N, C-alpha and C. Protein backbone atom coordinates (compact mmCIF):
# COMPACT_ATOMS: atom_id res chain seq x y z
N MET A 1 -8.67 100.26 56.75
CA MET A 1 -7.47 100.33 55.94
C MET A 1 -6.95 101.77 55.95
N ASP A 2 -5.67 101.91 56.11
CA ASP A 2 -5.03 103.21 56.09
C ASP A 2 -5.07 103.77 54.66
N LEU A 3 -5.48 105.02 54.50
CA LEU A 3 -5.60 105.61 53.18
C LEU A 3 -4.27 105.75 52.46
N LEU A 4 -3.19 105.83 53.23
CA LEU A 4 -1.88 105.98 52.62
C LEU A 4 -1.23 104.64 52.28
N GLN A 5 -1.86 103.54 52.68
CA GLN A 5 -1.29 102.22 52.42
C GLN A 5 -1.48 101.87 50.94
N ASP A 6 -0.45 101.34 50.34
CA ASP A 6 -0.50 100.95 48.94
C ASP A 6 -1.29 99.65 48.82
N PRO A 7 -2.39 99.65 48.08
CA PRO A 7 -3.19 98.43 47.97
C PRO A 7 -2.53 97.33 47.14
N TYR A 8 -1.44 97.65 46.47
CA TYR A 8 -0.80 96.67 45.59
C TYR A 8 0.50 96.12 46.15
N VAL A 9 0.76 96.35 47.44
CA VAL A 9 2.00 95.86 48.04
C VAL A 9 2.09 94.34 47.93
N ALA A 10 1.00 93.65 48.29
CA ALA A 10 1.01 92.19 48.25
C ALA A 10 1.20 91.69 46.82
N LYS A 11 0.55 92.33 45.88
CA LYS A 11 0.68 91.92 44.47
C LYS A 11 2.11 92.16 43.98
N ARG A 12 2.68 93.30 44.37
CA ARG A 12 4.04 93.62 43.96
C ARG A 12 5.03 92.61 44.54
N GLU A 13 4.86 92.25 45.80
CA GLU A 13 5.75 91.26 46.43
C GLU A 13 5.59 89.89 45.78
N PHE A 14 4.35 89.53 45.47
CA PHE A 14 4.09 88.25 44.80
C PHE A 14 4.81 88.20 43.45
N LEU A 15 4.69 89.28 42.67
CA LEU A 15 5.33 89.31 41.35
C LEU A 15 6.85 89.32 41.46
N ALA A 16 7.38 90.05 42.43
CA ALA A 16 8.84 90.08 42.62
C ALA A 16 9.36 88.68 42.94
N ARG A 17 8.66 87.94 43.82
CA ARG A 17 9.06 86.56 44.13
C ARG A 17 8.99 85.68 42.89
N LEU A 18 7.92 85.85 42.12
CA LEU A 18 7.73 85.06 40.91
C LEU A 18 8.87 85.30 39.91
N PHE A 19 9.21 86.55 39.67
CA PHE A 19 10.29 86.85 38.72
C PHE A 19 11.65 86.40 39.24
N ARG A 20 11.86 86.47 40.55
CA ARG A 20 13.12 85.95 41.11
C ARG A 20 13.21 84.45 40.87
N ARG A 21 12.08 83.74 41.07
CA ARG A 21 12.06 82.30 40.83
C ARG A 21 12.32 81.97 39.36
N LEU A 22 11.89 82.85 38.48
CA LEU A 22 12.10 82.63 37.05
C LEU A 22 13.51 83.03 36.61
N GLY A 23 14.31 83.56 37.52
CA GLY A 23 15.70 83.88 37.23
C GLY A 23 15.95 85.25 36.66
N CYS A 24 15.02 86.16 36.82
CA CYS A 24 15.23 87.52 36.31
C CYS A 24 16.15 88.29 37.24
N PRO A 25 17.12 89.01 36.68
CA PRO A 25 17.94 89.87 37.54
C PRO A 25 17.08 90.95 38.18
N GLU A 26 17.52 91.46 39.29
CA GLU A 26 16.73 92.42 40.09
C GLU A 26 16.20 93.62 39.30
N PRO A 27 17.04 94.36 38.55
CA PRO A 27 16.49 95.53 37.84
C PRO A 27 15.46 95.14 36.79
N GLN A 28 15.73 94.07 36.05
CA GLN A 28 14.78 93.63 35.04
C GLN A 28 13.49 93.16 35.70
N GLY A 29 13.60 92.46 36.83
CA GLY A 29 12.42 92.01 37.56
C GLY A 29 11.56 93.17 38.03
N ASP A 30 12.21 94.23 38.51
CA ASP A 30 11.46 95.41 38.96
C ASP A 30 10.71 96.05 37.80
N ASP A 31 11.36 96.14 36.64
CA ASP A 31 10.69 96.70 35.46
C ASP A 31 9.50 95.83 35.06
N LEU A 32 9.68 94.53 35.10
CA LEU A 32 8.60 93.62 34.72
C LEU A 32 7.44 93.71 35.70
N VAL A 33 7.73 93.85 36.99
CA VAL A 33 6.67 94.00 37.99
C VAL A 33 5.83 95.23 37.66
N GLN A 34 6.47 96.33 37.35
CA GLN A 34 5.73 97.54 37.01
C GLN A 34 4.91 97.35 35.74
N ASP A 35 5.49 96.68 34.73
CA ASP A 35 4.76 96.44 33.49
C ASP A 35 3.52 95.59 33.73
N VAL A 36 3.67 94.55 34.56
CA VAL A 36 2.54 93.65 34.83
C VAL A 36 1.44 94.39 35.60
N LEU A 37 1.82 95.15 36.62
CA LEU A 37 0.80 95.89 37.38
C LEU A 37 0.10 96.92 36.50
N LEU A 38 0.84 97.54 35.60
CA LEU A 38 0.23 98.51 34.68
C LEU A 38 -0.78 97.81 33.76
N LYS A 39 -0.41 96.65 33.22
CA LYS A 39 -1.35 95.89 32.39
C LYS A 39 -2.57 95.46 33.19
N PHE A 40 -2.35 95.05 34.43
CA PHE A 40 -3.44 94.63 35.31
C PHE A 40 -4.44 95.77 35.50
N LEU A 41 -3.92 96.98 35.68
CA LEU A 41 -4.79 98.14 35.87
C LEU A 41 -5.42 98.59 34.55
N GLU A 42 -4.64 98.60 33.47
CA GLU A 42 -5.16 99.05 32.18
C GLU A 42 -6.30 98.18 31.68
N LYS A 43 -6.19 96.88 31.90
CA LYS A 43 -7.22 95.96 31.43
C LYS A 43 -8.47 95.97 32.31
N GLY A 44 -8.41 96.67 33.44
CA GLY A 44 -9.57 96.77 34.31
C GLY A 44 -9.75 95.61 35.26
N TYR A 45 -8.72 94.77 35.40
CA TYR A 45 -8.83 93.62 36.29
C TYR A 45 -8.93 94.04 37.75
N ALA A 46 -8.41 95.21 38.09
CA ALA A 46 -8.44 95.67 39.48
C ALA A 46 -9.88 95.91 39.94
N ARG A 47 -10.78 96.20 39.00
CA ARG A 47 -12.17 96.46 39.36
C ARG A 47 -12.97 95.19 39.57
N LEU A 48 -12.45 94.05 39.12
CA LEU A 48 -13.16 92.79 39.25
C LEU A 48 -13.12 92.31 40.70
N ASP A 49 -14.13 91.58 41.08
CA ASP A 49 -14.20 91.02 42.43
C ASP A 49 -13.51 89.65 42.41
N LEU A 50 -12.18 89.68 42.50
CA LEU A 50 -11.39 88.45 42.43
C LEU A 50 -10.95 88.02 43.82
N THR A 51 -10.94 86.71 44.03
CA THR A 51 -10.36 86.21 45.27
C THR A 51 -8.84 86.37 45.17
N GLU A 52 -8.16 86.21 46.29
CA GLU A 52 -6.69 86.35 46.29
C GLU A 52 -6.05 85.32 45.36
N GLY A 53 -6.59 84.11 45.34
CA GLY A 53 -6.06 83.06 44.46
C GLY A 53 -6.28 83.38 43.00
N GLN A 54 -7.47 83.88 42.67
CA GLN A 54 -7.77 84.24 41.29
C GLN A 54 -6.88 85.40 40.82
N ALA A 55 -6.70 86.38 41.69
CA ALA A 55 -5.85 87.52 41.35
C ALA A 55 -4.41 87.06 41.14
N GLY A 56 -3.93 86.15 42.00
CA GLY A 56 -2.58 85.63 41.86
C GLY A 56 -2.39 84.86 40.57
N ALA A 57 -3.38 84.05 40.21
CA ALA A 57 -3.30 83.28 38.97
C ALA A 57 -3.31 84.21 37.76
N LEU A 58 -4.15 85.23 37.81
CA LEU A 58 -4.22 86.19 36.71
C LEU A 58 -2.91 86.98 36.60
N LEU A 59 -2.38 87.41 37.73
CA LEU A 59 -1.10 88.13 37.72
C LEU A 59 0.03 87.24 37.19
N ALA A 60 0.02 85.98 37.58
CA ALA A 60 1.06 85.05 37.11
C ALA A 60 0.96 84.87 35.59
N ARG A 61 -0.26 84.79 35.08
CA ARG A 61 -0.44 84.64 33.63
C ARG A 61 0.03 85.90 32.89
N ILE A 62 -0.33 87.06 33.40
CA ILE A 62 0.12 88.32 32.79
C ILE A 62 1.65 88.42 32.88
N ALA A 63 2.22 88.01 34.02
CA ALA A 63 3.67 88.05 34.21
C ALA A 63 4.37 87.14 33.20
N TYR A 64 3.82 85.94 33.02
CA TYR A 64 4.42 84.99 32.09
C TYR A 64 4.41 85.55 30.66
N THR A 65 3.27 86.06 30.21
CA THR A 65 3.20 86.58 28.84
C THR A 65 4.06 87.83 28.68
N THR A 66 4.14 88.66 29.72
CA THR A 66 4.98 89.86 29.65
C THR A 66 6.45 89.46 29.54
N LEU A 67 6.87 88.46 30.31
CA LEU A 67 8.25 87.99 30.25
C LEU A 67 8.58 87.42 28.88
N ILE A 68 7.67 86.62 28.33
CA ILE A 68 7.88 86.04 27.00
C ILE A 68 7.97 87.15 25.95
N ASP A 69 7.06 88.12 26.04
CA ASP A 69 7.08 89.24 25.09
C ASP A 69 8.40 90.00 25.18
N ARG A 70 8.88 90.25 26.40
CA ARG A 70 10.14 90.98 26.58
C ARG A 70 11.31 90.20 25.99
N LYS A 71 11.34 88.88 26.22
CA LYS A 71 12.43 88.06 25.68
C LYS A 71 12.39 88.04 24.16
N ARG A 72 11.20 87.94 23.58
CA ARG A 72 11.08 87.95 22.12
C ARG A 72 11.52 89.29 21.55
N ARG A 73 11.09 90.38 22.18
CA ARG A 73 11.46 91.71 21.69
C ARG A 73 12.98 91.90 21.79
N ASN A 74 13.56 91.46 22.89
CA ASN A 74 15.02 91.59 23.05
C ASN A 74 15.76 90.76 22.01
N ALA A 75 15.24 89.57 21.72
CA ALA A 75 15.89 88.72 20.72
C ALA A 75 15.74 89.33 19.33
N ARG A 76 14.57 89.89 19.04
CA ARG A 76 14.32 90.46 17.72
C ARG A 76 15.20 91.67 17.45
N PHE A 77 15.37 92.51 18.46
CA PHE A 77 16.11 93.74 18.26
C PHE A 77 17.55 93.65 18.74
N GLY A 78 18.00 92.45 19.07
CA GLY A 78 19.39 92.27 19.43
C GLY A 78 19.79 92.94 20.72
N HIS A 79 18.88 92.98 21.70
CA HIS A 79 19.19 93.62 22.97
C HIS A 79 20.23 92.80 23.71
N ARG A 80 21.25 93.48 24.13
CA ARG A 80 22.28 92.83 24.95
C ARG A 80 22.54 93.69 26.16
N SER A 81 22.86 93.05 27.24
CA SER A 81 23.18 93.79 28.44
C SER A 81 24.48 94.55 28.23
N LEU A 82 24.54 95.76 28.73
CA LEU A 82 25.75 96.56 28.60
C LEU A 82 26.71 96.33 29.75
N ASP A 83 26.29 95.53 30.73
CA ASP A 83 27.16 95.25 31.86
C ASP A 83 28.36 94.43 31.39
N GLY A 84 29.51 94.81 31.83
CA GLY A 84 30.72 94.06 31.52
C GLY A 84 31.37 94.44 30.20
N LEU A 85 30.75 95.31 29.43
CA LEU A 85 31.36 95.75 28.18
C LEU A 85 32.36 96.86 28.47
N PRO A 86 33.45 96.89 27.73
CA PRO A 86 34.39 97.98 27.95
C PRO A 86 33.76 99.30 27.53
N GLU A 87 34.20 100.37 28.14
CA GLU A 87 33.69 101.69 27.80
C GLU A 87 34.03 102.00 26.36
N ALA A 88 33.05 102.49 25.63
CA ALA A 88 33.27 102.86 24.23
C ALA A 88 34.10 104.13 24.17
N GLU A 89 34.94 104.18 23.18
CA GLU A 89 35.72 105.40 22.99
C GLU A 89 34.79 106.49 22.47
N ALA A 90 34.97 107.68 22.95
CA ALA A 90 34.14 108.79 22.49
C ALA A 90 34.58 109.17 21.08
N ALA A 91 33.65 109.04 20.15
CA ALA A 91 33.96 109.39 18.77
C ALA A 91 33.91 110.90 18.63
N PRO A 92 34.82 111.45 17.87
CA PRO A 92 34.76 112.89 17.64
C PRO A 92 33.43 113.24 16.97
N GLU A 93 32.87 114.36 17.36
CA GLU A 93 31.56 114.76 16.86
C GLU A 93 31.55 114.88 15.34
N ARG A 94 32.59 115.42 14.77
CA ARG A 94 32.65 115.56 13.32
C ARG A 94 32.62 114.20 12.62
N GLU A 95 33.30 113.23 13.21
CA GLU A 95 33.34 111.88 12.65
C GLU A 95 31.94 111.26 12.66
N VAL A 96 31.21 111.44 13.74
CA VAL A 96 29.85 110.90 13.84
C VAL A 96 28.95 111.57 12.81
N ILE A 97 29.03 112.87 12.69
CA ILE A 97 28.20 113.60 11.72
C ILE A 97 28.53 113.13 10.31
N ARG A 98 29.81 112.97 10.01
CA ARG A 98 30.21 112.49 8.69
C ARG A 98 29.64 111.10 8.43
N TRP A 99 29.72 110.22 9.43
CA TRP A 99 29.22 108.85 9.27
C TRP A 99 27.71 108.85 9.05
N VAL A 100 26.96 109.68 9.79
CA VAL A 100 25.51 109.74 9.62
C VAL A 100 25.17 110.26 8.24
N ARG A 101 25.86 111.29 7.78
CA ARG A 101 25.61 111.81 6.43
C ARG A 101 25.88 110.75 5.37
N GLU A 102 26.98 110.01 5.55
CA GLU A 102 27.31 108.94 4.61
C GLU A 102 26.25 107.84 4.66
N LEU A 103 25.78 107.53 5.83
CA LEU A 103 24.72 106.53 5.99
C LEU A 103 23.45 106.96 5.27
N LEU A 104 23.07 108.21 5.43
CA LEU A 104 21.88 108.72 4.74
C LEU A 104 22.07 108.70 3.23
N ARG A 105 23.28 109.00 2.77
CA ARG A 105 23.54 108.96 1.34
C ARG A 105 23.44 107.53 0.80
N LYS A 106 24.04 106.58 1.53
CA LYS A 106 24.00 105.18 1.10
C LYS A 106 22.59 104.60 1.11
N ALA A 107 21.77 105.05 2.05
CA ALA A 107 20.41 104.55 2.13
C ALA A 107 19.55 105.07 0.99
N ALA A 108 20.04 106.08 0.27
CA ALA A 108 19.37 106.64 -0.90
C ALA A 108 17.92 107.03 -0.59
N LEU A 109 17.76 107.85 0.43
CA LEU A 109 16.42 108.31 0.79
C LEU A 109 15.94 109.34 -0.22
N ALA A 110 14.66 109.26 -0.53
CA ALA A 110 14.05 110.26 -1.40
C ALA A 110 13.98 111.58 -0.64
N PRO A 111 13.87 112.71 -1.34
CA PRO A 111 13.85 114.01 -0.66
C PRO A 111 12.75 114.12 0.40
N ASP A 112 11.55 113.57 0.13
CA ASP A 112 10.48 113.65 1.13
C ASP A 112 10.78 112.77 2.34
N GLU A 113 11.46 111.62 2.11
CA GLU A 113 11.84 110.76 3.22
C GLU A 113 12.92 111.43 4.08
N LEU A 114 13.87 112.04 3.41
CA LEU A 114 14.93 112.75 4.13
C LEU A 114 14.36 113.90 4.94
N ARG A 115 13.40 114.63 4.36
CA ARG A 115 12.75 115.73 5.06
C ARG A 115 12.00 115.22 6.30
N LEU A 116 11.36 114.06 6.17
CA LEU A 116 10.63 113.47 7.30
C LEU A 116 11.58 113.09 8.43
N VAL A 117 12.69 112.44 8.10
CA VAL A 117 13.68 112.05 9.11
C VAL A 117 14.29 113.29 9.76
N ARG A 118 14.64 114.27 8.95
CA ARG A 118 15.25 115.49 9.48
C ARG A 118 14.27 116.24 10.40
N SER A 119 13.01 116.34 9.98
CA SER A 119 12.01 117.05 10.79
C SER A 119 11.80 116.37 12.13
N ARG A 120 11.77 115.06 12.12
CA ARG A 120 11.49 114.33 13.37
C ARG A 120 12.70 114.31 14.30
N PHE A 121 13.87 113.96 13.76
CA PHE A 121 15.00 113.67 14.63
C PHE A 121 16.01 114.81 14.76
N VAL A 122 16.00 115.75 13.86
CA VAL A 122 16.91 116.89 13.98
C VAL A 122 16.16 118.09 14.56
N GLU A 123 15.00 118.37 13.97
CA GLU A 123 14.23 119.52 14.42
C GLU A 123 13.32 119.18 15.60
N GLY A 124 13.08 117.90 15.84
CA GLY A 124 12.31 117.47 17.00
C GLY A 124 10.80 117.66 16.88
N MET A 125 10.28 117.65 15.67
CA MET A 125 8.84 117.80 15.50
C MET A 125 8.11 116.58 16.04
N SER A 126 6.94 116.80 16.61
CA SER A 126 6.14 115.68 17.11
C SER A 126 5.48 114.96 15.94
N LEU A 127 5.00 113.75 16.21
CA LEU A 127 4.31 112.99 15.17
C LEU A 127 3.05 113.71 14.71
N ALA A 128 2.34 114.34 15.65
CA ALA A 128 1.12 115.07 15.30
C ALA A 128 1.44 116.25 14.39
N ASP A 129 2.51 116.97 14.69
CA ASP A 129 2.90 118.10 13.85
C ASP A 129 3.33 117.64 12.46
N LEU A 130 4.07 116.53 12.41
CA LEU A 130 4.47 115.98 11.12
C LEU A 130 3.26 115.54 10.31
N ALA A 131 2.30 114.91 10.97
CA ALA A 131 1.09 114.46 10.27
C ALA A 131 0.33 115.66 9.70
N ALA A 132 0.25 116.73 10.46
CA ALA A 132 -0.43 117.93 9.97
C ALA A 132 0.33 118.53 8.78
N ALA A 133 1.65 118.56 8.86
CA ALA A 133 2.45 119.11 7.77
C ALA A 133 2.38 118.24 6.52
N GLU A 134 2.26 116.93 6.70
CA GLU A 134 2.22 116.00 5.57
C GLU A 134 0.79 115.75 5.08
N HIS A 135 -0.19 116.30 5.79
CA HIS A 135 -1.62 116.12 5.45
C HIS A 135 -2.00 114.64 5.43
N CYS A 136 -1.62 113.94 6.51
CA CYS A 136 -1.97 112.53 6.62
C CYS A 136 -2.20 112.19 8.09
N HIS A 137 -2.55 110.96 8.35
CA HIS A 137 -2.84 110.50 9.71
C HIS A 137 -1.53 110.25 10.46
N VAL A 138 -1.58 110.37 11.78
CA VAL A 138 -0.40 110.15 12.62
C VAL A 138 0.16 108.74 12.43
N ASN A 139 -0.73 107.75 12.31
CA ASN A 139 -0.26 106.38 12.13
C ASN A 139 0.49 106.20 10.81
N THR A 140 0.12 106.97 9.80
CA THR A 140 0.84 106.92 8.53
C THR A 140 2.26 107.44 8.71
N VAL A 141 2.40 108.54 9.43
CA VAL A 141 3.73 109.09 9.71
C VAL A 141 4.53 108.10 10.53
N ARG A 142 3.91 107.51 11.54
CA ARG A 142 4.60 106.54 12.40
C ARG A 142 5.09 105.35 11.57
N ARG A 143 4.23 104.84 10.67
CA ARG A 143 4.60 103.70 9.84
C ARG A 143 5.73 104.08 8.88
N ARG A 144 5.63 105.24 8.25
CA ARG A 144 6.69 105.68 7.32
C ARG A 144 8.03 105.83 8.04
N LEU A 145 8.00 106.44 9.23
CA LEU A 145 9.24 106.59 10.00
C LEU A 145 9.80 105.23 10.40
N GLY A 146 8.93 104.32 10.79
CA GLY A 146 9.38 102.98 11.15
C GLY A 146 10.07 102.28 10.00
N LEU A 147 9.48 102.37 8.81
CA LEU A 147 10.09 101.76 7.63
C LEU A 147 11.43 102.42 7.28
N LEU A 148 11.47 103.74 7.39
CA LEU A 148 12.72 104.45 7.12
C LEU A 148 13.82 104.07 8.12
N LEU A 149 13.44 103.98 9.38
CA LEU A 149 14.43 103.61 10.40
C LEU A 149 14.91 102.18 10.21
N ASP A 150 14.01 101.28 9.80
CA ASP A 150 14.43 99.91 9.50
C ASP A 150 15.45 99.90 8.37
N ARG A 151 15.19 100.70 7.35
CA ARG A 151 16.11 100.79 6.22
C ARG A 151 17.47 101.34 6.66
N LEU A 152 17.43 102.37 7.51
CA LEU A 152 18.69 102.95 8.00
C LEU A 152 19.43 101.97 8.91
N ARG A 153 18.69 101.21 9.72
CA ARG A 153 19.34 100.21 10.58
C ARG A 153 20.04 99.14 9.74
N ARG A 154 19.35 98.66 8.70
CA ARG A 154 19.97 97.66 7.83
C ARG A 154 21.23 98.21 7.19
N GLU A 155 21.16 99.44 6.72
CA GLU A 155 22.32 100.07 6.08
C GLU A 155 23.45 100.26 7.09
N ALA A 156 23.10 100.68 8.31
CA ALA A 156 24.12 100.88 9.35
C ALA A 156 24.77 99.56 9.73
N THR A 157 23.96 98.51 9.85
CA THR A 157 24.52 97.19 10.17
C THR A 157 25.45 96.72 9.06
N ARG A 158 25.02 96.90 7.82
CA ARG A 158 25.85 96.52 6.68
C ARG A 158 27.15 97.33 6.69
N ASP A 159 27.04 98.62 6.96
CA ASP A 159 28.21 99.49 6.97
C ASP A 159 29.17 99.10 8.09
N LEU A 160 28.62 98.86 9.28
CA LEU A 160 29.48 98.49 10.41
C LEU A 160 30.12 97.13 10.20
N THR A 161 29.39 96.20 9.59
CA THR A 161 29.94 94.88 9.32
C THR A 161 31.05 94.97 8.27
N ASP A 162 30.81 95.79 7.24
CA ASP A 162 31.81 95.93 6.17
C ASP A 162 33.09 96.58 6.66
N THR A 163 32.97 97.55 7.57
CA THR A 163 34.15 98.26 8.04
C THR A 163 34.78 97.60 9.26
N GLY A 164 34.14 96.56 9.78
CA GLY A 164 34.69 95.85 10.92
C GLY A 164 34.53 96.58 12.24
N ARG A 165 33.60 97.52 12.32
CA ARG A 165 33.40 98.28 13.57
C ARG A 165 32.56 97.53 14.56
N ARG A 166 31.82 96.57 14.11
CA ARG A 166 30.87 95.89 14.98
C ARG A 166 31.52 94.86 15.85
């Protein structure tokens, strides 16, 4: 075997054919192929002594669950393709800043919550740095930010729906 030859060419081609048969558009299929191969490697399946048929069946199962997970995640978060949408008008920077400030005011964040959002998204602090500053675990910071962002998303959706921008 040539050392420069990719050992996963056959698996990649198999997955690409599978996703094409399932009706995935080309870019999405390529992303899914990479996700499946990454899961295959992360789970340690590459080290197993699998026959070609067993490897294909395992890859197909991982591909199926990955596709289902992606569809569920897209449905949950309202993912829509941007193809075919008209170009959005560039909002003046001052208008965007004003809208974000108004959104933060409407969400009624506590001072510590506002400080957390500002530190992460304005100042660009990492989760580890925030955890050290807050004297808590990184997962606690991640969970708090997630809850805050959910609250801001709900408020933004309500605001956009009320003003007819959506």
